[in-house]
């Protein structure tokens, strides 16, 4: 479970911006609010089941989610990264000379699969890690596991067991102690490392290659799921979304070469339709379906896997190519304890203001992203707005710019020159 995340000096983000999934005390508490999650080990620490970021184009809402993705990837690959790879992850704020010379800072607080709460801090520039620290809260008391700073030896906490000093000598300046320690056998680092490796998922860039890889992963999961539950759930989702599809099937690609390499077998997702003249299903290629249907299978399958495992999922523009009613239905899966028994979380950005209707979200679940005059991204929560009444029509106020987060379009600047008559007169001359 993600509790809180912050980032400083990353892309359009200059000053620290915080995405907190802790409920705000300014939001009226109702009994049995299914939009709040509680872990049995920390019953006093409630977290939000979902969070949505609204904002104009180029406001930086995607960069907030990209920062979360960047941290996840760095921790996953931090044990074997080579010198120079850090330059890819280091993308500082470029509109300020001082920021271009400062490291990017990440902070994250989460509960890992071992049921322990952790805090992880990471600062890095293009060449090296300038600061890294990990703390745990096994009994609601902060315990240092390790801390390191540039050009200084690693400081280990007394509670961290194992051959710590030997492992510390193997960590190069551009590598991460969390990742390296987990890979080299410090067992207490495995659960926090696996949170980034397996339980924090990000779907940020919409590319056909990425969609294909996602669909291939879903197909393999269907094949490997001996219970058949996942296929049943995905078929149920697609069928009840009014797509005209009666079910989903998976077939192995018909290729002689694929049979030679067990690990490289590819599978194709097929959709099942029924015609009036036959009782047998007719199989369709997924590429024959609409873009919205393909997106539903990809994102719907991903969301079902996240719900199945109790993961945290970040998606940029969840509503892309999907009807608002369908987007709303997918969000509600995270707000329903029957479909979200393992406390999965959804964080996403969107332009669909209709999602602000009908009490789908609490005020503290709605974040606004704005770009300042200096080009900086500033993120705030609706719950921070003073004297906001529950009866406020959020959609109307957002669209009219009362909250900010909407583009200030200069309509006069869109009066383009298409003087065809003048062009014809010039040709005649």
Protein backbone atom coordinates (compact mmCIF):
# COMPACT_ATOMS: atom_id res chain seq x y z
CA UNK A 1 0.00 0.00 0.00
CA UNK A 2 1.26 3.44 -0.89
CA UNK A 3 0.90 6.01 1.88
CA UNK A 4 2.76 9.05 0.61
CA UNK A 5 5.09 10.07 -2.23
CA UNK A 6 6.97 13.28 -2.95
CA UNK A 7 9.47 14.46 -5.54
CA UNK A 8 11.67 17.51 -6.01
CA UNK A 9 13.51 18.74 -9.12
CA UNK A 10 12.10 16.35 -11.73
CA UNK A 11 11.04 17.51 -15.20
CA UNK A 12 8.53 20.37 -14.70
CA UNK A 13 8.57 19.84 -10.92
CA UNK A 14 11.00 22.23 -9.23
CA UNK A 15 9.92 22.46 -5.59
CA UNK A 16 8.71 19.50 -3.57
CA UNK A 17 5.30 18.21 -4.67
CA UNK A 18 3.44 15.70 -2.52
CA UNK A 19 0.92 13.01 -3.41
CA UNK A 20 -0.49 11.91 -0.07
CA UNK A 21 -2.93 9.01 0.19
CA UNK A 22 -3.59 9.81 3.83
CA UNK A 23 -7.16 11.03 4.37
CA UNK A 24 -7.52 14.69 5.27
CA UNK A 25 -8.92 15.62 8.65
CA UNK A 26 -10.86 18.36 6.88
CA UNK A 27 -13.05 15.82 5.10
CA UNK A 28 -16.08 14.76 7.08
CA UNK A 29 -15.69 11.16 8.17
CA UNK A 30 -18.51 8.76 7.46
CA UNK A 31 -18.84 5.26 8.85
CA UNK A 32 -17.70 2.39 6.64
CA UNK A 33 -16.27 4.58 3.88
CA UNK A 34 -15.16 2.03 1.28
CA UNK A 35 -12.88 4.64 -0.29
CA UNK A 36 -10.58 4.20 2.72
CA UNK A 37 -8.31 1.20 3.28
CA UNK A 38 -6.85 -0.09 6.54
CA UNK A 39 -4.02 -2.57 7.07
CA UNK A 40 -4.44 -4.87 10.06
CA UNK A 41 -0.90 -4.12 11.29
CA UNK A 42 -1.54 -0.36 11.29
CA UNK A 43 -5.23 0.10 12.09
CA UNK A 44 -4.70 3.79 12.87
CA UNK A 45 -3.22 4.51 9.41
CA UNK A 46 -6.03 4.71 6.87
CA UNK A 47 -5.15 5.27 3.22
CA UNK A 48 -7.18 6.27 0.18
CA UNK A 49 -8.15 3.53 -2.24
CA UNK A 50 -7.76 5.88 -5.20
CA UNK A 51 -6.54 9.33 -6.17
CA UNK A 52 -7.16 11.35 -9.32
CA UNK A 53 -5.09 14.22 -10.73
CA UNK A 54 -6.80 16.87 -12.89
CA UNK A 55 -4.98 19.55 -14.80
CA UNK A 56 -4.54 21.32 -18.10
CA UNK A 57 -2.27 19.96 -20.82
CA UNK A 58 1.39 20.64 -19.96
CA UNK A 59 0.49 21.34 -16.33
CA UNK A 60 2.75 18.49 -15.20
CA UNK A 61 0.21 16.00 -13.91
CA UNK A 62 1.84 13.27 -16.02
CA UNK A 63 5.26 14.19 -14.63
CA UNK A 64 4.06 13.49 -11.09
CA UNK A 65 3.17 9.94 -12.17
CA UNK A 66 6.36 9.66 -14.22
CA UNK A 67 8.35 10.45 -11.10
CA UNK A 68 6.69 7.54 -9.32
CA UNK A 69 7.49 5.31 -12.29
CA UNK A 70 11.11 6.55 -12.43
CA UNK A 71 11.67 5.73 -8.77
CA UNK A 72 10.17 2.27 -9.22
CA UNK A 73 12.39 1.49 -12.22
CA UNK A 74 15.54 2.80 -10.50
CA UNK A 75 14.98 0.58 -7.47
CA UNK A 76 14.15 -2.45 -9.61
CA UNK A 77 17.32 -2.10 -11.68
CA UNK A 78 19.55 -0.38 -9.13
CA UNK A 79 21.62 -3.47 -8.28
CA UNK A 80 23.20 -3.90 -11.72
CA UNK A 81 22.95 -0.44 -13.29
CA UNK A 82 26.09 0.75 -15.03
CA UNK A 83 27.73 4.15 -14.95
CA UNK A 84 25.89 6.53 -17.24
CA UNK A 85 22.45 4.94 -16.92
CA UNK A 86 21.59 7.41 -14.20
CA UNK A 87 21.55 10.19 -16.77
CA UNK A 88 18.33 8.70 -18.17
CA UNK A 89 16.55 8.91 -14.82
CA UNK A 90 18.02 12.28 -13.91
CA UNK A 91 15.84 14.87 -15.65
CA UNK A 92 16.00 18.01 -13.47
CA UNK A 93 13.94 21.17 -13.81
CA UNK A 94 15.59 22.97 -16.73
CA UNK A 95 14.16 26.49 -16.47
CA UNK A 96 16.39 27.39 -13.52
CA UNK A 97 20.19 27.26 -13.60
CA UNK A 98 20.54 26.20 -9.97
CA UNK A 99 18.06 23.35 -10.38
CA UNK A 100 20.02 21.97 -13.33
CA UNK A 101 22.94 21.43 -10.96
CA UNK A 102 20.97 19.94 -8.05
CA UNK A 103 19.98 16.28 -7.54
CA UNK A 104 16.45 14.93 -7.88
CA UNK A 105 14.93 13.95 -4.52
CA UNK A 106 12.38 11.18 -3.98
CA UNK A 107 10.55 10.19 -0.81
CA UNK A 108 8.08 7.33 -0.46
CA UNK A 109 6.23 5.75 2.45
CA UNK A 110 4.52 2.39 1.97
CA UNK A 111 3.51 -0.94 3.50
CA UNK A 112 5.27 -3.89 1.89
CA UNK A 113 4.12 -7.49 1.51
CA UNK A 114 5.68 -8.42 4.88
CA UNK A 115 3.14 -6.13 6.56
CA UNK A 116 5.78 -3.64 7.67
CA UNK A 117 5.68 0.09 6.95
CA UNK A 118 8.78 1.62 5.36
CA UNK A 119 10.17 5.03 4.44
CA UNK A 120 12.64 5.28 1.57
CA UNK A 121 14.61 8.34 0.54
CA UNK A 122 16.67 8.68 -2.63
CA UNK A 123 18.59 11.60 -4.12
CA UNK A 124 20.66 11.30 -7.25
CA UNK A 125 22.19 13.25 -10.08
CA UNK A 126 23.34 12.04 -13.49
CA UNK A 127 26.44 10.31 -12.15
CA UNK A 128 25.81 9.04 -8.64
CA UNK A 129 23.52 8.55 -5.67
CA UNK A 130 23.96 11.53 -3.35
CA UNK A 131 21.71 10.22 -0.57
CA UNK A 132 19.82 7.02 0.17
CA UNK A 133 18.09 5.85 3.34
CA UNK A 134 15.60 3.20 4.44
CA UNK A 135 13.60 3.15 7.67
CA UNK A 136 11.01 0.70 8.97
CA UNK A 137 8.14 0.93 11.48
CA UNK A 138 7.77 -2.64 12.77
CA UNK A 139 5.94 -1.47 15.92
CA UNK A 140 4.99 2.06 14.92
CA UNK A 141 8.45 3.25 15.95
CA UNK A 142 10.96 4.48 13.37
CA UNK A 143 13.95 2.16 12.99
CA UNK A 144 16.92 2.96 10.76
CA UNK A 145 17.96 0.12 8.46
CA UNK A 146 20.63 2.04 6.55
CA UNK A 147 21.65 5.50 5.44
CA UNK A 148 24.33 6.63 3.01
CA UNK A 149 25.47 9.97 1.68
CA UNK A 150 27.89 10.90 -1.08
CA UNK A 151 31.57 10.19 -0.25
CA UNK A 152 30.65 8.81 3.20
CA UNK A 153 30.44 5.19 4.40
CA UNK A 154 27.08 3.48 4.74
CA UNK A 155 25.60 3.75 8.24
CA UNK A 156 23.66 0.64 9.23
CA UNK A 157 21.02 0.37 11.92
CA UNK A 158 21.41 -2.19 14.68
CA UNK A 159 18.27 -4.04 13.59
CA UNK A 160 19.63 -4.88 10.13
CA UNK A 161 21.18 -8.33 10.17
CA UNK A 162 23.66 -10.00 7.80
CA UNK A 163 27.08 -9.32 6.27
CA UNK A 164 26.35 -5.62 5.88
CA UNK A 165 29.88 -4.23 5.53
CA UNK A 166 30.83 -6.76 2.85
CA UNK A 167 27.75 -5.86 0.81
CA UNK A 168 28.37 -2.13 1.30
CA UNK A 169 31.77 -2.54 -0.35
CA UNK A 170 30.08 -3.94 -3.47
CA UNK A 171 27.72 -0.98 -3.92
CA UNK A 172 29.13 1.43 -6.49
CA UNK A 173 28.39 5.17 -6.19
CA UNK A 174 25.76 5.02 -8.97
CA UNK A 175 24.00 1.90 -7.63
CA UNK A 176 21.34 1.60 -4.93
CA UNK A 177 21.98 0.00 -1.55
CA UNK A 178 18.35 -1.15 -1.34
CA UNK A 179 18.57 -3.07 -4.60
CA UNK A 180 22.13 -4.33 -4.14
CA UNK A 181 21.50 -5.48 -0.58
CA UNK A 182 18.35 -7.35 -1.56
CA UNK A 183 20.17 -9.09 -4.42
CA UNK A 184 23.15 -10.06 -2.26
CA UNK A 185 21.19 -11.60 0.54
CA UNK A 186 20.16 -9.02 3.12
CA UNK A 187 16.79 -10.61 3.80
CA UNK A 188 15.29 -7.60 5.55
CA UNK A 189 15.64 -5.59 2.34
CA UNK A 190 13.77 -8.09 0.18
CA UNK A 191 10.21 -7.01 1.06
CA UNK A 192 10.76 -3.25 0.49
CA UNK A 193 12.64 -4.00 -2.75
CA UNK A 194 9.85 -6.29 -3.95
CA UNK A 195 7.32 -3.50 -3.36
CA UNK A 196 8.98 -1.64 -6.24
CA UNK A 197 9.66 -4.77 -8.24
CA UNK A 198 6.24 -6.42 -8.07
CA UNK A 199 3.67 -4.31 -6.27
CA UNK A 200 4.08 -0.77 -7.62
CA UNK A 201 2.91 -0.73 -11.23
CA UNK A 202 2.99 2.25 -13.58
CA UNK A 203 1.30 2.58 -16.97
CA UNK A 204 2.34 6.04 -18.12
CA UNK A 205 3.14 6.14 -21.85
CA UNK A 206 0.53 5.16 -24.42
CA UNK A 207 2.48 3.35 -27.10
CA UNK A 208 1.38 0.47 -29.26
CA UNK A 209 4.50 -1.51 -28.36
CA UNK A 210 3.75 -1.09 -24.66
CA UNK A 211 0.12 -2.08 -25.20
CA UNK A 212 1.26 -5.20 -27.07
CA UNK A 213 3.61 -6.13 -24.23
CA UNK A 214 0.82 -5.58 -21.70
CA UNK A 215 -1.59 -7.77 -23.68
CA UNK A 216 1.09 -10.44 -24.01
CA UNK A 217 1.54 -10.43 -20.24
CA UNK A 218 -2.20 -10.73 -19.74
CA UNK A 219 -2.35 -13.64 -22.18
CA UNK A 220 0.46 -15.46 -20.37
CA UNK A 221 -1.24 -14.87 -17.03
CA UNK A 222 -4.41 -16.45 -18.41
CA UNK A 223 -2.45 -19.48 -19.61
CA UNK A 224 -0.58 -19.88 -16.30
CA UNK A 225 -3.66 -19.42 -14.10
CA UNK A 226 -4.69 -23.01 -13.44
CA UNK A 227 -7.81 -21.95 -11.54
CA UNK A 228 -9.22 -20.19 -14.61
CA UNK A 229 -10.50 -17.44 -12.34
CA UNK A 230 -8.66 -14.62 -14.10
CA UNK A 231 -10.01 -15.57 -17.55
CA UNK A 232 -13.51 -15.81 -16.10
CA UNK A 233 -13.21 -12.36 -14.51
CA UNK A 234 -11.79 -10.74 -17.65
CA UNK A 235 -14.51 -12.29 -19.84
CA UNK A 236 -17.12 -11.09 -17.35
CA UNK A 237 -15.70 -7.56 -17.43
CA UNK A 238 -15.66 -7.34 -21.23
CA UNK A 239 -19.10 -8.92 -21.61
CA UNK A 240 -20.75 -6.58 -19.10
CA UNK A 241 -19.17 -3.50 -20.69
CA UNK A 242 -21.65 -3.74 -23.61
CA UNK A 243 -18.97 -4.57 -26.18
CA UNK A 244 -20.93 -7.31 -27.92
CA UNK A 245 -18.20 -9.76 -26.90
CA UNK A 246 -19.37 -12.94 -25.19
CA UNK A 247 -16.01 -14.05 -23.87
CA UNK A 248 -12.22 -14.14 -24.15
CA UNK A 249 -9.93 -16.93 -25.26
CA UNK A 250 -6.17 -17.31 -25.70
CA UNK A 251 -4.38 -19.26 -28.42
CA UNK A 252 -0.70 -19.87 -28.97
CA UNK A 253 0.80 -18.16 -32.01
CA UNK A 254 1.09 -20.50 -34.96
CA UNK A 255 4.81 -20.25 -35.62
CA UNK A 256 7.38 -22.99 -36.08
CA UNK A 257 10.12 -20.83 -34.60
CA UNK A 258 8.14 -20.17 -31.43
CA UNK A 259 8.03 -23.87 -30.67
CA UNK A 260 11.83 -23.99 -30.49
CA UNK A 261 12.02 -21.53 -27.64
CA UNK A 262 9.85 -22.39 -24.65
CA UNK A 263 10.53 -19.07 -22.92
CA UNK A 264 9.62 -17.07 -26.01
CA UNK A 265 6.23 -18.53 -26.77
CA UNK A 266 3.71 -15.88 -27.70
CA UNK A 267 0.00 -16.02 -27.19
CA UNK A 268 -2.87 -14.13 -28.76
CA UNK A 269 -6.02 -12.96 -27.07
CA UNK A 270 -9.14 -13.71 -29.10
CA UNK A 271 -12.65 -12.39 -28.61
CA UNK A 272 -15.71 -14.64 -28.83
CA UNK A 273 -18.83 -13.63 -30.72
CA UNK A 274 -21.95 -15.62 -31.59
CA UNK A 275 -23.85 -15.46 -34.86
CA UNK A 276 -27.52 -16.22 -35.38
CA UNK A 277 -26.90 -19.15 -37.73
CA UNK A 278 -24.60 -21.19 -35.49
CA UNK A 279 -24.30 -22.11 -31.85
CA UNK A 280 -20.52 -22.22 -32.04
CA UNK A 281 -18.52 -19.11 -31.08
CA UNK A 282 -16.79 -17.12 -33.79
CA UNK A 283 -13.25 -16.07 -32.87
CA UNK A 284 -12.10 -12.54 -33.73
CA UNK A 285 -8.59 -11.13 -33.68
CA UNK A 286 -8.28 -8.48 -31.00
CA UNK A 287 -7.04 -6.05 -33.66
CA UNK A 288 -10.45 -6.39 -35.35
CA UNK A 289 -12.12 -4.84 -32.32
CA UNK A 290 -12.44 -1.10 -31.71
CA UNK A 291 -9.64 0.90 -30.11
CA UNK A 292 -11.80 1.32 -27.01
CA UNK A 293 -12.38 -2.42 -26.72
CA UNK A 294 -8.68 -3.18 -27.11
CA UNK A 295 -7.92 -0.60 -24.43
CA UNK A 296 -10.54 -2.17 -22.18
CA UNK A 297 -8.98 -5.62 -22.52
CA UNK A 298 -5.50 -4.23 -21.83
CA UNK A 299 -6.34 -1.91 -18.94
CA UNK A 300 -9.15 -4.10 -17.63
CA UNK A 301 -6.82 -7.07 -17.52
CA UNK A 302 -4.14 -5.00 -15.80
CA UNK A 303 -6.63 -3.69 -13.22
CA UNK A 304 -7.91 -7.20 -12.50
CA UNK A 305 -4.33 -8.37 -11.89
CA UNK A 306 -3.73 -5.42 -9.56
CA UNK A 307 -6.93 -6.18 -7.63
CA UNK A 308 -5.99 -9.85 -7.51
CA UNK A 309 -2.56 -9.08 -5.97
CA UNK A 310 -3.38 -6.00 -3.90
CA UNK A 311 -0.94 -3.78 -5.82
CA UNK A 312 -0.71 -0.02 -6.34
CA UNK A 313 -1.31 1.09 -9.93
CA UNK A 314 -0.52 4.47 -11.51
CA UNK A 315 -2.09 5.23 -14.92
CA UNK A 316 -1.79 8.37 -17.03
CA UNK A 317 -5.10 9.30 -18.69
CA UNK A 318 -7.16 6.33 -17.57
CA UNK A 319 -10.11 7.53 -19.64
CA UNK A 320 -8.30 7.54 -23.00
CA UNK A 321 -10.48 5.87 -25.66
CA UNK A 322 -13.04 4.73 -23.07
CA UNK A 323 -16.57 5.90 -22.31
CA UNK A 324 -16.96 7.83 -19.02
CA UNK A 325 -19.40 5.21 -17.69
CA UNK A 326 -16.80 2.49 -18.21
CA UNK A 327 -14.06 4.56 -16.60
CA UNK A 328 -16.31 5.13 -13.60
CA UNK A 329 -17.07 1.39 -13.36
CA UNK A 330 -13.35 0.53 -13.30
CA UNK A 331 -12.70 3.07 -10.54
CA UNK A 332 -15.55 1.69 -8.45
CA UNK A 333 -13.85 -1.71 -8.42
CA UNK A 334 -11.27 -0.18 -6.07
CA UNK A 335 -14.00 1.31 -3.85
CA UNK A 336 -15.79 -2.00 -3.36
CA UNK A 337 -14.45 -4.35 -0.64
CA UNK A 338 -15.91 -7.32 -2.52
CA UNK A 339 -13.83 -6.60 -5.64
CA UNK A 340 -10.88 -5.14 -3.71
CA UNK A 341 -10.34 -7.50 -0.75
CA UNK A 342 -6.53 -7.09 -0.80
CA UNK A 343 -6.46 -3.27 -0.55
CA UNK A 344 -5.28 -2.41 -4.08
CA UNK A 345 -4.93 1.26 -5.00
CA UNK A 346 -5.47 3.27 -8.18
CA UNK A 347 -3.75 6.58 -8.96
CA UNK A 348 -4.52 8.21 -12.29
CA UNK A 349 -4.73 11.43 -14.26
CA UNK A 350 -7.67 12.46 -16.42
CA UNK A 351 -9.45 15.31 -18.20
CA UNK A 352 -12.89 13.78 -17.64
CA UNK A 353 -14.58 16.27 -15.29
CA UNK A 354 -17.76 14.17 -15.21
CA UNK A 355 -15.94 11.90 -12.74
CA UNK A 356 -16.34 14.68 -10.17
CA UNK A 357 -20.09 13.99 -9.97
CA UNK A 358 -22.13 11.74 -7.68
CA UNK A 359 -19.70 11.54 -4.75
CA UNK A 360 -17.39 9.15 -6.59
CA UNK A 361 -14.44 10.79 -4.84
CA UNK A 362 -13.86 12.43 -1.50
CA UNK A 363 -12.33 15.92 -1.66
CA UNK A 364 -8.97 14.56 -0.46
CA UNK A 365 -8.86 12.10 -3.36
CA UNK A 366 -8.92 14.88 -5.96
CA UNK A 367 -5.64 16.62 -6.81
CA UNK A 368 -5.11 19.62 -9.09
CA UNK A 369 -2.00 20.23 -11.17
CA UNK A 370 -1.15 23.75 -12.34
CA UNK A 371 1.76 25.38 -14.15
CA UNK A 372 3.08 28.61 -12.64
CA UNK A 373 4.30 31.60 -14.65
CA UNK A 374 7.84 30.26 -14.19
CA UNK A 375 6.88 26.92 -15.74
CA UNK A 376 6.81 25.02 -12.44
CA UNK A 377 4.29 22.30 -11.64
CA UNK A 378 2.31 22.84 -8.45
CA UNK A 379 0.08 20.07 -7.09
CA UNK A 380 -2.62 20.60 -4.47
CA UNK A 381 -5.61 18.74 -3.05
CA UNK A 382 -9.18 19.99 -3.28
CA UNK A 383 -9.44 19.29 0.46
CA UNK A 384 -6.88 22.09 1.04
CA UNK A 385 -9.28 24.72 -0.33
CA UNK A 386 -10.66 26.64 2.70
CA UNK A 387 -14.36 26.72 3.55
CA UNK A 388 -15.33 24.26 0.82
CA UNK A 389 -18.81 22.86 1.38
CA UNK A 390 -19.82 19.29 0.60
CA UNK A 391 -22.63 20.62 -1.58
CA UNK A 392 -20.21 22.37 -3.96
CA UNK A 393 -20.73 21.16 -7.58
CA UNK A 394 -17.15 20.01 -8.20
CA UNK A 395 -17.52 19.47 -11.94
CA UNK A 396 -19.00 22.92 -12.54
CA UNK A 397 -16.45 24.68 -10.35
CA UNK A 398 -13.56 22.82 -11.98
CA UNK A 399 -14.70 23.53 -15.56
CA UNK A 400 -15.24 27.22 -14.80
CA UNK A 401 -11.72 27.49 -13.37
CA UNK A 402 -12.67 28.19 -9.75
CA UNK A 403 -10.28 25.47 -8.58
CA UNK A 404 -7.58 26.14 -11.14
CA UNK A 405 -6.13 23.25 -13.12
CA UNK A 406 -7.87 24.32 -16.35
CA UNK A 407 -6.19 25.83 -19.43
CA UNK A 408 -6.41 29.58 -20.02
CA UNK A 409 -7.01 29.48 -23.76
CA UNK A 410 -6.52 32.69 -25.73
CA UNK A 411 -9.31 32.36 -28.26
CA UNK A 412 -8.24 35.53 -30.10
CA UNK A 413 -4.85 33.96 -30.71
CA UNK A 414 -6.56 31.14 -32.60
CA UNK A 415 -7.78 33.39 -35.43
CA UNK A 416 -5.58 31.96 -38.18
CA UNK A 417 -5.04 33.39 -41.63
CA UNK A 418 -6.77 31.29 -44.30
CA UNK A 419 -7.29 34.10 -46.82
CA UNK A 420 -7.78 31.90 -49.87
CA UNK A 421 -9.29 34.77 -51.86
CA UNK A 422 -6.21 36.90 -51.28
CA UNK A 423 -3.98 34.05 -52.43
CA UNK A 424 -5.96 33.69 -55.64
CA UNK A 425 -5.74 37.43 -56.33
CA UNK A 426 -1.98 37.34 -55.85
CA UNK A 427 -1.68 34.45 -58.32
CA UNK A 428 -3.65 36.41 -60.94
CA UNK A 429 -1.17 39.26 -60.66
